[in-house]
Amino acid sequence: MRPDPASPAQWTAVLLIGAAAILLLYNTLPVALAYPRAGTTALALFSLFAVPFWIMRRRLADWLTLPVGALALGLAWGATVSVMTSLFGSRALHGLLATVWGPAWAERWAPVLAAPVVEEVVKAAGVVLVIAIAWGRVHGVLDGIVLGAFCGVGFQIVEGYAFAMSSTVLNRAGDVVEPVIAVFIVRGVLAGLWSHAIFTAIVGAGVAYAATRRTRRSVWVAAGSLAAVIVLHAVWNSPLLRDGLGLGALAVLAGVMVKGLPAVLIVWWLVRWAKREESPVMRSLETA
């Protein structure tokens, strides 16, 4: 039996991911070759972000119909197209804000006003594109949650890697792993749980809800999920509680939890709701 021809959505995804991957390698490969020990350590550590979400996929397997290939495509989109689009888009908005309100104001508030909008919109576009490619294979909200998480994990791995390598270069101590580990503790241990994977999982839930219900209300739910995630991301990036109100390390940790925990709780509630409202499905070998 001949395989189905590639759809326009598939060709679009392949071309965009390929072009973004070339740009990503162009920007990261020279530093990786100059600091191989640090680069290998950074890639290994930040790739651990994928482990809890792979475990989540295994535990929700009875409710999922999206094939592994669709999740891999979402991961690739997050790691390439989302990262490179966000890099140039955020820079452009930062420059616009600096022109209007001044460089100092933009330096403080661009991470709040620019980065969340660009990053969440382009990750959401990846979720929409993958669902369009896998149309008819989306069973319910849990498919969208897992797909969104994988898309966000791709972004998170590359962003964490980039921050770690930037810290290594700025450290000027050569090919050492200490700056990488320090960045991983901050961006992985302290901030890893409530970051891109969780944000995009919420958007994925909204998009999958719209794809499976196909009503005007469900479209508004999807749009609302994106708006909510932009707000959550903006609050996370904001200076709010960043210094723990000057009360020490425990207060800083409490501030991190206050800003980040709501997104985690939303995903937890969405998973429980979907498992209650949507019946398990029998998965064939083709979708395993």
C-alpha atoms as a PDB file:
ATOM      1  CA  MET A   1       0.000   0.000   0.000  1.00  0.00           C
ATOM      2  CA  ARG A   2       1.465   3.356  -0.999  1.00  0.00           C
ATOM      3  CA  PRO A   3       1.949   5.905   1.802  1.00  0.00           C
ATOM      4  CA  ASP A   4      -0.187   9.014   1.786  1.00  0.00           C
ATOM      5  CA  PRO A   5       1.486  12.002   0.109  1.00  0.00           C
ATOM      6  CA  ALA A   6       2.811  14.700   2.390  1.00  0.00           C
ATOM      7  CA  SER A   7       0.273  17.414   3.135  1.00  0.00           C
ATOM      8  CA  PRO A   8       0.994  21.153   2.748  1.00  0.00           C
ATOM      9  CA  ALA A   9       1.132  21.381   6.551  1.00  0.00           C
ATOM     10  CA  GLN A  10       3.805  18.670   6.647  1.00  0.00           C
ATOM     11  CA  TRP A  11       5.894  20.383   4.002  1.00  0.00           C
ATOM     12  CA  THR A  12       5.516  23.685   5.859  1.00  0.00           C
ATOM     13  CA  ALA A  13       6.705  22.114   9.109  1.00  0.00           C
ATOM     14  CA  VAL A  14       9.658  20.361   7.483  1.00  0.00           C
ATOM     15  CA  LEU A  15      10.837  23.473   5.627  1.00  0.00           C
ATOM     16  CA  LEU A  16      10.498  25.778   8.632  1.00  0.00           C
ATOM     17  CA  ILE A  17      12.179  23.341  11.012  1.00  0.00           C
ATOM     18  CA  GLY A  18      14.981  22.710   8.518  1.00  0.00           C
ATOM     19  CA  ALA A  19      15.649  26.421   7.964  1.00  0.00           C
ATOM     20  CA  ALA A  20      15.517  27.168  11.684  1.00  0.00           C
ATOM     21  CA  ALA A  21      17.829  24.240  12.454  1.00  0.00           C
ATOM     22  CA  ILE A  22      20.437  25.636  10.035  1.00  0.00           C
ATOM     23  CA  LEU A  23      20.222  29.045  11.719  1.00  0.00           C
ATOM     24  CA  LEU A  24      20.462  27.421  15.148  1.00  0.00           C
ATOM     25  CA  LEU A  25      23.585  25.468  14.208  1.00  0.00           C
ATOM     26  CA  TYR A  26      25.113  28.584  12.663  1.00  0.00           C
ATOM     27  CA  ASN A  27      24.652  30.440  15.944  1.00  0.00           C
ATOM     28  CA  THR A  28      25.635  27.668  18.372  1.00  0.00           C
ATOM     29  CA  LEU A  29      28.113  25.347  16.658  1.00  0.00           C
ATOM     30  CA  PRO A  30      31.218  27.608  16.868  1.00  0.00           C
ATOM     31  CA  VAL A  31      30.862  27.956  20.649  1.00  0.00           C
ATOM     32  CA  ALA A  32      30.100  24.252  21.046  1.00  0.00           C
ATOM     33  CA  LEU A  33      33.294  23.345  19.162  1.00  0.00           C
ATOM     34  CA  ALA A  34      35.324  25.836  21.194  1.00  0.00           C
ATOM     35  CA  TYR A  35      33.968  24.527  24.524  1.00  0.00           C
ATOM     36  CA  PRO A  36      33.210  20.819  23.929  1.00  0.00           C
ATOM     37  CA  ARG A  37      33.253  19.756  27.583  1.00  0.00           C
ATOM     38  CA  ALA A  38      30.951  22.547  28.698  1.00  0.00           C
ATOM     39  CA  GLY A  39      28.695  22.056  25.678  1.00  0.00           C
ATOM     40  CA  THR A  40      28.317  18.315  26.210  1.00  0.00           C
ATOM     41  CA  THR A  41      27.554  18.840  29.899  1.00  0.00           C
ATOM     42  CA  ALA A  42      25.002  21.555  29.149  1.00  0.00           C
ATOM     43  CA  LEU A  43      23.230  19.471  26.525  1.00  0.00           C
ATOM     44  CA  ALA A  44      23.105  16.432  28.812  1.00  0.00           C
ATOM     45  CA  LEU A  45      21.817  18.370  31.819  1.00  0.00           C
ATOM     46  CA  PHE A  46      19.161  20.388  30.038  1.00  0.00           C
ATOM     47  CA  SER A  47      17.971  17.355  28.080  1.00  0.00           C
ATOM     48  CA  LEU A  48      16.827  15.994  31.448  1.00  0.00           C
ATOM     49  CA  PHE A  49      13.865  18.365  31.097  1.00  0.00           C
ATOM     50  CA  ALA A  50      12.323  15.829  28.717  1.00  0.00           C
ATOM     51  CA  VAL A  51      12.357  12.963  31.227  1.00  0.00           C
ATOM     52  CA  PRO A  52       9.372  13.912  33.439  1.00  0.00           C
ATOM     53  CA  PHE A  53       7.229  14.689  30.405  1.00  0.00           C
ATOM     54  CA  TRP A  54       8.105  11.389  28.743  1.00  0.00           C
ATOM     55  CA  ILE A  55       7.063   9.702  31.995  1.00  0.00           C
ATOM     56  CA  MET A  56       3.838  11.728  31.897  1.00  0.00           C
ATOM     57  CA  ARG A  57       3.197  10.480  28.359  1.00  0.00           C
ATOM     58  CA  ARG A  58       3.712   6.880  29.460  1.00  0.00           C
ATOM     59  CA  ARG A  59       1.322   7.272  32.386  1.00  0.00           C
ATOM     60  CA  LEU A  60      -1.356   8.874  30.205  1.00  0.00           C
ATOM     61  CA  ALA A  61      -0.872   6.378  27.363  1.00  0.00           C
ATOM     62  CA  ASP A  62      -4.415   4.974  27.624  1.00  0.00           C
ATOM     63  CA  TRP A  63      -5.868   8.419  26.871  1.00  0.00           C
ATOM     64  CA  LEU A  64      -3.503   9.398  24.043  1.00  0.00           C
ATOM     65  CA  THR A  65      -3.798   8.808  20.319  1.00  0.00           C
ATOM     66  CA  LEU A  66      -1.149  11.167  18.938  1.00  0.00           C
ATOM     67  CA  PRO A  67       1.751   9.100  17.561  1.00  0.00           C
ATOM     68  CA  VAL A  68       5.260   9.534  18.883  1.00  0.00           C
ATOM     69  CA  GLY A  69       6.209  11.117  15.551  1.00  0.00           C
ATOM     70  CA  ALA A  70       3.827  14.003  16.216  1.00  0.00           C
ATOM     71  CA  LEU A  71       5.389  14.595  19.625  1.00  0.00           C
ATOM     72  CA  ALA A  72       8.863  14.484  18.070  1.00  0.00           C
ATOM     73  CA  LEU A  73       7.736  17.067  15.511  1.00  0.00           C
ATOM     74  CA  GLY A  74       6.470  19.307  18.317  1.00  0.00           C
ATOM     75  CA  LEU A  75       9.774  18.891  20.142  1.00  0.00           C
ATOM     76  CA  ALA A  76      11.711  19.807  16.999  1.00  0.00           C
ATOM     77  CA  TRP A  77       9.500  22.862  16.388  1.00  0.00           C
ATOM     78  CA  GLY A  78      10.086  24.105  19.925  1.00  0.00           C
ATOM     79  CA  ALA A  79      13.845  23.544  19.694  1.00  0.00           C
ATOM     80  CA  THR A  80      14.308  25.246  16.327  1.00  0.00           C
ATOM     81  CA  VAL A  81      11.540  27.442  14.919  1.00  0.00           C
ATOM     82  CA  SER A  82      10.322  28.682  18.301  1.00  0.00           C
ATOM     83  CA  VAL A  83      13.819  29.455  19.558  1.00  0.00           C
ATOM     84  CA  MET A  84      15.054  31.276  16.465  1.00  0.00           C
ATOM     85  CA  THR A  85      11.808  33.194  15.871  1.00  0.00           C
ATOM     86  CA  SER A  86      11.735  34.252  19.510  1.00  0.00           C
ATOM     87  CA  LEU A  87      15.372  35.330  19.365  1.00  0.00           C
ATOM     88  CA  PHE A  88      14.853  37.726  16.464  1.00  0.00           C
ATOM     89  CA  GLY A  89      11.295  38.711  17.395  1.00  0.00           C
ATOM     90  CA  SER A  90      12.148  39.566  20.980  1.00  0.00           C
ATOM     91  CA  ARG A  91      15.125  41.613  19.835  1.00  0.00           C
ATOM     92  CA  ALA A  92      12.921  43.552  17.446  1.00  0.00           C
ATOM     93  CA  LEU A  93      10.327  44.322  20.122  1.00  0.00           C
ATOM     94  CA  HIS A  94      13.091  45.216  22.585  1.00  0.00           C
ATOM     95  CA  GLY A  95      14.413  47.744  20.086  1.00  0.00           C
ATOM     96  CA  LEU A  96      10.941  49.161  19.538  1.00  0.00           C
ATOM     97  CA  LEU A  97      10.373  49.581  23.272  1.00  0.00           C
ATOM     98  CA  ALA A  98      13.808  51.174  23.671  1.00  0.00           C
ATOM     99  CA  THR A  99      12.978  53.659  20.918  1.00  0.00           C
ATOM    100  CA  VAL A 100       9.658  54.605  22.487  1.00  0.00           C
ATOM    101  CA  TRP A 101      10.479  54.584  26.225  1.00  0.00           C
ATOM    102  CA  GLY A 102      14.256  54.520  26.405  1.00  0.00           C
ATOM    103  CA  PRO A 103      16.952  51.812  26.716  1.00  0.00           C
ATOM    104  CA  ALA A 104      16.850  51.562  30.512  1.00  0.00           C
ATOM    105  CA  TRP A 105      13.083  51.053  30.598  1.00  0.00           C
ATOM    106  CA  ALA A 106      13.264  48.508  27.782  1.00  0.00           C
ATOM    107  CA  GLU A 107      16.037  46.575  29.529  1.00  0.00           C
ATOM    108  CA  ARG A 108      13.824  46.174  32.582  1.00  0.00           C
ATOM    109  CA  TRP A 109      10.458  45.577  30.955  1.00  0.00           C
ATOM    110  CA  ALA A 110      11.100  43.961  27.552  1.00  0.00           C
ATOM    111  CA  PRO A 111      11.365  40.509  29.197  1.00  0.00           C
ATOM    112  CA  VAL A 112       7.880  41.131  30.605  1.00  0.00           C
ATOM    113  CA  LEU A 113       6.180  42.695  27.587  1.00  0.00           C
ATOM    114  CA  ALA A 114       8.040  41.295  24.565  1.00  0.00           C
ATOM    115  CA  ALA A 115       9.409  37.829  25.308  1.00  0.00           C
ATOM    116  CA  PRO A 116       6.170  36.230  26.598  1.00  0.00           C
ATOM    117  CA  VAL A 117       4.145  37.401  23.595  1.00  0.00           C
ATOM    118  CA  VAL A 118       6.629  36.275  20.948  1.00  0.00           C
ATOM    119  CA  GLU A 119       7.606  32.999  22.595  1.00  0.00           C
ATOM    120  CA  GLU A 120       4.129  31.810  23.507  1.00  0.00           C
ATOM    121  CA  VAL A 121       2.601  32.737  20.153  1.00  0.00           C
ATOM    122  CA  VAL A 122       5.254  30.915  18.112  1.00  0.00           C
ATOM    123  CA  LYS A 123       5.103  27.817  20.349  1.00  0.00           C
ATOM    124  CA  ALA A 124       1.312  27.828  20.042  1.00  0.00           C
ATOM    125  CA  ALA A 125       1.702  28.012  16.262  1.00  0.00           C
ATOM    126  CA  GLY A 126       3.740  24.815  16.429  1.00  0.00           C
ATOM    127  CA  VAL A 127       1.014  23.062  18.398  1.00  0.00           C
ATOM    128  CA  VAL A 128      -1.606  24.170  15.868  1.00  0.00           C
ATOM    129  CA  LEU A 129       0.542  23.013  12.954  1.00  0.00           C
ATOM    130  CA  VAL A 130       1.209  19.560  14.417  1.00  0.00           C
ATOM    131  CA  ILE A 131      -2.482  19.063  15.218  1.00  0.00           C
ATOM    132  CA  ALA A 132      -3.303  20.076  11.638  1.00  0.00           C
ATOM    133  CA  ILE A 133      -0.837  17.473  10.369  1.00  0.00           C
ATOM    134  CA  ALA A 134      -2.227  14.803  12.710  1.00  0.00           C
ATOM    135  CA  TRP A 135      -5.857  15.840  12.114  1.00  0.00           C
ATOM    136  CA  GLY A 136      -8.188  13.034  13.108  1.00  0.00           C
ATOM    137  CA  ARG A 137      -5.603  11.527  15.453  1.00  0.00           C
ATOM    138  CA  VAL A 138      -6.313  13.934  18.332  1.00  0.00           C
ATOM    139  CA  HIS A 139      -8.605  12.239  20.847  1.00  0.00           C
ATOM    140  CA  GLY A 140      -8.913  14.993  23.429  1.00  0.00           C
ATOM    141  CA  VAL A 141      -7.353  17.575  25.707  1.00  0.00           C
ATOM    142  CA  LEU A 142      -4.693  15.215  27.064  1.00  0.00           C
ATOM    143  CA  ASP A 143      -3.229  14.842  23.572  1.00  0.00           C
ATOM    144  CA  GLY A 144      -2.878  18.616  23.439  1.00  0.00           C
ATOM    145  CA  ILE A 145      -1.351  18.828  26.906  1.00  0.00           C
ATOM    146  CA  VAL A 146       1.340  16.281  26.093  1.00  0.00           C
ATOM    147  CA  LEU A 147       2.026  17.771  22.649  1.00  0.00           C
ATOM    148  CA  GLY A 148       2.310  21.261  24.126  1.00  0.00           C
ATOM    149  CA  ALA A 149       4.639  19.994  26.840  1.00  0.00           C
ATOM    150  CA  PHE A 150       6.952  18.412  24.255  1.00  0.00           C
ATOM    151  CA  CYS A 151       6.989  21.591  22.181  1.00  0.00           C
ATOM    152  CA  GLY A 152       7.843  23.605  25.289  1.00  0.00           C
ATOM    153  CA  VAL A 153      10.520  21.100  26.333  1.00  0.00           C
ATOM    154  CA  GLY A 154      12.263  21.557  22.990  1.00  0.00           C
ATOM    155  CA  PHE A 155      12.367  25.304  23.565  1.00  0.00           C
ATOM    156  CA  GLN A 156      13.458  24.851  27.166  1.00  0.00           C
ATOM    157  CA  ILE A 157      16.380  22.553  26.329  1.00  0.00           C
ATOM    158  CA  VAL A 158      17.852  24.865  23.705  1.00  0.00           C
ATOM    159  CA  GLU A 159      17.259  28.037  25.721  1.00  0.00           C
ATOM    160  CA  GLY A 160      18.894  26.509  28.802  1.00  0.00           C
ATOM    161  CA  TYR A 161      21.809  25.273  26.704  1.00  0.00           C
ATOM    162  CA  ALA A 162      22.269  28.751  25.199  1.00  0.00           C
ATOM    163  CA  PHE A 163      22.270  30.453  28.605  1.00  0.00           C
ATOM    164  CA  ALA A 164      24.772  27.917  29.948  1.00  0.00           C
ATOM    165  CA  MET A 165      27.163  28.379  27.032  1.00  0.00           C
ATOM    166  CA  SER A 166      26.844  32.156  27.223  1.00  0.00           C
ATOM    167  CA  SER A 167      27.769  31.970  30.908  1.00  0.00           C
ATOM    168  CA  THR A 168      30.753  29.774  30.042  1.00  0.00           C
ATOM    169  CA  VAL A 169      32.055  32.268  27.487  1.00  0.00           C
ATOM    170  CA  LEU A 170      31.566  35.233  29.827  1.00  0.00           C
ATOM    171  CA  ASN A 171      33.285  33.360  32.662  1.00  0.00           C
ATOM    172  CA  ARG A 172      36.573  33.447  30.691  1.00  0.00           C
ATOM    173  CA  ALA A 173      37.893  30.372  32.539  1.00  0.00           C
ATOM    174  CA  GLY A 174      38.070  28.103  29.501  1.00  0.00           C
ATOM    175  CA  ASP A 175      36.260  24.847  28.849  1.00  0.00           C
ATOM    176  CA  VAL A 176      34.974  24.235  32.389  1.00  0.00           C
ATOM    177  CA  VAL A 177      31.617  22.941  33.624  1.00  0.00           C
ATOM    178  CA  GLU A 178      31.126  25.073  36.738  1.00  0.00           C
ATOM    179  CA  PRO A 179      29.242  27.905  34.946  1.00  0.00           C
ATOM    180  CA  VAL A 180      27.049  25.293  33.225  1.00  0.00           C
ATOM    181  CA  ILE A 181      26.134  23.667  36.521  1.00  0.00           C
ATOM    182  CA  ALA A 182      25.399  27.064  38.102  1.00  0.00           C
ATOM    183  CA  VAL A 183      23.029  27.977  35.262  1.00  0.00           C
ATOM    184  CA  PHE A 184      21.374  24.558  35.459  1.00  0.00           C
ATOM    185  CA  ILE A 185      20.712  24.993  39.179  1.00  0.00           C
ATOM    186  CA  VAL A 186      19.029  28.343  38.568  1.00  0.00           C
ATOM    187  CA  ARG A 187      17.200  27.629  35.302  1.00  0.00           C
ATOM    188  CA  GLY A 188      16.736  23.892  35.743  1.00  0.00           C
ATOM    189  CA  VAL A 189      16.301  23.092  39.420  1.00  0.00           C
ATOM    190  CA  LEU A 190      14.695  26.351  40.588  1.00  0.00           C
ATOM    191  CA  ALA A 191      12.864  27.426  37.444  1.00  0.00           C
ATOM    192  CA  GLY A 192      12.629  24.297  35.303  1.00  0.00           C
ATOM    193  CA  LEU A 193       9.311  22.969  36.547  1.00  0.00           C
ATOM    194  CA  TRP A 194       7.278  26.110  35.867  1.00  0.00           C
ATOM    195  CA  SER A 195       8.712  27.137  32.543  1.00  0.00           C
ATOM    196  CA  HIS A 196       8.083  26.663  28.833  1.00  0.00           C
ATOM    197  CA  ALA A 197       6.871  23.052  28.949  1.00  0.00           C
ATOM    198  CA  ILE A 198       4.144  23.886  31.482  1.00  0.00           C
ATOM    199  CA  PHE A 199       3.122  27.089  29.693  1.00  0.00           C
ATOM    200  CA  THR A 200       2.779  25.395  26.303  1.00  0.00           C
ATOM    201  CA  ALA A 201       0.961  22.423  27.844  1.00  0.00           C
ATOM    202  CA  ILE A 202      -1.798  24.857  28.847  1.00  0.00           C
ATOM    203  CA  VAL A 203      -1.975  26.249  25.314  1.00  0.00           C
ATOM    204  CA  GLY A 204      -1.974  22.705  23.947  1.00  0.00           C
ATOM    205  CA  ALA A 205      -4.987  21.885  26.094  1.00  0.00           C
ATOM    206  CA  GLY A 206      -6.869  24.851  24.651  1.00  0.00           C
ATOM    207  CA  VAL A 207      -5.955  24.062  21.049  1.00  0.00           C
ATOM    208  CA  ALA A 208      -6.897  20.381  21.429  1.00  0.00           C
ATOM    209  CA  TYR A 209     -10.182  21.383  23.080  1.00  0.00           C
ATOM    210  CA  ALA A 210     -10.998  23.550  20.048  1.00  0.00           C
ATOM    211  CA  ALA A 211      -9.873  20.841  17.590  1.00  0.00           C
ATOM    212  CA  THR A 212     -12.086  18.171  19.147  1.00  0.00           C
ATOM    213  CA  ARG A 213     -15.170  20.279  19.991  1.00  0.00           C
ATOM    214  CA  ARG A 214     -15.168  22.585  16.925  1.00  0.00           C
ATOM    215  CA  THR A 215     -17.547  25.181  18.336  1.00  0.00           C
ATOM    216  CA  ARG A 216     -17.303  28.941  18.597  1.00  0.00           C
ATOM    217  CA  ARG A 217     -16.978  28.632  22.361  1.00  0.00           C
ATOM    218  CA  SER A 218     -14.075  26.203  22.028  1.00  0.00           C
ATOM    219  CA  VAL A 219     -12.202  28.650  19.786  1.00  0.00           C
ATOM    220  CA  TRP A 220     -12.527  31.276  22.499  1.00  0.00           C
ATOM    221  CA  VAL A 221     -11.255  28.726  25.024  1.00  0.00           C
ATOM    222  CA  ALA A 222      -8.151  28.193  22.877  1.00  0.00           C
ATOM    223  CA  ALA A 223      -7.581  31.944  22.517  1.00  0.00           C
ATOM    224  CA  GLY A 224      -8.118  32.399  26.246  1.00  0.00           C
ATOM    225  CA  SER A 225      -5.561  29.696  27.043  1.00  0.00           C
ATOM    226  CA  LEU A 226      -2.953  31.545  24.976  1.00  0.00           C
ATOM    227  CA  ALA A 227      -3.785  34.885  26.611  1.00  0.00           C
ATOM    228  CA  ALA A 228      -3.606  33.308  30.070  1.00  0.00           C
ATOM    229  CA  VAL A 229      -0.216  31.778  29.363  1.00  0.00           C
ATOM    230  CA  ILE A 230       1.164  35.097  28.110  1.00  0.00           C
ATOM    231  CA  VAL A 231       0.067  36.674  31.399  1.00  0.00           C
ATOM    232  CA  LEU A 232       1.560  33.824  33.456  1.00  0.00           C
ATOM    233  CA  HIS A 233       4.818  34.098  31.530  1.00  0.00           C
ATOM    234  CA  ALA A 234       4.899  37.879  31.944  1.00  0.00           C
ATOM    235  CA  VAL A 235       4.407  37.553  35.699  1.00  0.00           C
ATOM    236  CA  TRP A 236       7.170  34.945  35.823  1.00  0.00           C
ATOM    237  CA  ASN A 237       9.577  37.255  33.955  1.00  0.00           C
ATOM    238  CA  SER A 238       8.620  40.320  35.972  1.00  0.00           C
ATOM    239  CA  PRO A 239      10.748  41.779  38.779  1.00  0.00           C
ATOM    240  CA  LEU A 240       7.910  40.939  41.195  1.00  0.00           C
ATOM    241  CA  LEU A 241       9.285  39.125  44.264  1.00  0.00           C
ATOM    242  CA  ARG A 242      12.580  38.469  42.452  1.00  0.00           C
ATOM    243  CA  ASP A 243      14.628  39.561  45.477  1.00  0.00           C
ATOM    244  CA  GLY A 244      12.299  37.966  48.016  1.00  0.00           C
ATOM    245  CA  LEU A 245      11.548  41.453  49.366  1.00  0.00           C
ATOM    246  CA  GLY A 246      15.073  41.445  50.768  1.00  0.00           C
ATOM    247  CA  LEU A 247      14.272  38.745  53.334  1.00  0.00           C
ATOM    248  CA  GLY A 248      16.864  36.187  52.278  1.00  0.00           C
ATOM    249  CA  ALA A 249      17.192  32.982  50.268  1.00  0.00           C
ATOM    250  CA  LEU A 250      14.055  31.305  51.635  1.00  0.00           C
ATOM    251  CA  ALA A 251      11.984  34.347  50.718  1.00  0.00           C
ATOM    252  CA  VAL A 252      13.455  34.291  47.197  1.00  0.00           C
ATOM    253  CA  LEU A 253      12.469  30.622  46.894  1.00  0.00           C
ATOM    254  CA  ALA A 254       8.985  31.442  48.183  1.00  0.00           C
ATOM    255  CA  GLY A 255       8.708  34.191  45.578  1.00  0.00           C
ATOM    256  CA  VAL A 256       9.673  31.741  42.832  1.00  0.00           C
ATOM    257  CA  MET A 257       6.947  29.351  43.964  1.00  0.00           C
ATOM    258  CA  VAL A 258       4.309  32.086  44.219  1.00  0.00           C
ATOM    259  CA  LYS A 259       5.027  33.164  40.649  1.00  0.00           C
ATOM    260  CA  GLY A 260       5.493  29.717  39.132  1.00  0.00           C
ATOM    261  CA  LEU A 261       3.192  27.345  40.988  1.00  0.00           C
ATOM    262  CA  PRO A 262      -0.123  28.610  39.501  1.00  0.00           C
ATOM    263  CA  ALA A 263       0.835  27.327  36.035  1.00  0.00           C
ATOM    264  CA  VAL A 264       1.739  23.902  37.450  1.00  0.00           C
ATOM    265  CA  LEU A 265      -1.551  23.725  39.327  1.00  0.00           C
ATOM    266  CA  ILE A 266      -3.474  24.653  36.175  1.00  0.00           C
ATOM    267  CA  VAL A 267      -1.865  21.761  34.264  1.00  0.00           C
ATOM    268  CA  TRP A 268      -2.538  19.408  37.178  1.00  0.00           C
ATOM    269  CA  TRP A 269      -6.205  20.444  37.183  1.00  0.00           C
ATOM    270  CA  LEU A 270      -6.470  20.130  33.382  1.00  0.00           C
ATOM    271  CA  VAL A 271      -5.074  16.593  33.470  1.00  0.00           C
ATOM    272  CA  ARG A 272      -7.515  15.573  36.194  1.00  0.00           C
ATOM    273  CA  TRP A 273     -10.436  17.197  34.363  1.00  0.00           C
ATOM    274  CA  ALA A 274      -9.553  15.560  31.052  1.00  0.00           C
ATOM    275  CA  LYS A 275      -9.132  12.113  32.605  1.00  0.00           C
ATOM    276  CA  ARG A 276     -12.551  12.501  34.202  1.00  0.00           C
ATOM    277  CA  GLU A 277     -14.342  13.883  31.133  1.00  0.00           C
ATOM    278  CA  GLU A 278     -12.636  11.973  28.321  1.00  0.00           C
ATOM    279  CA  SER A 279     -12.736   8.192  28.151  1.00  0.00           C
ATOM    280  CA  PRO A 280      -9.569   6.157  27.547  1.00  0.00           C
ATOM    281  CA  VAL A 281      -8.967   4.966  23.998  1.00  0.00           C
ATOM    282  CA  MET A 282      -7.674   1.713  22.575  1.00  0.00           C
ATOM    283  CA  ARG A 283      -4.386   2.509  20.851  1.00  0.00           C
ATOM    284  CA  SER A 284      -3.257   0.493  17.872  1.00  0.00           C
ATOM    285  CA  LEU A 285       0.352  -0.418  17.151  1.00  0.00           C
ATOM    286  CA  GLU A 286       0.364   2.355  14.544  1.00  0.00           C
ATOM    287  CA  THR A 287      -0.221   5.065  17.163  1.00  0.00           C
ATOM    288  CA  ALA A 288       2.016   3.525  19.842  1.00  0.00           C
END
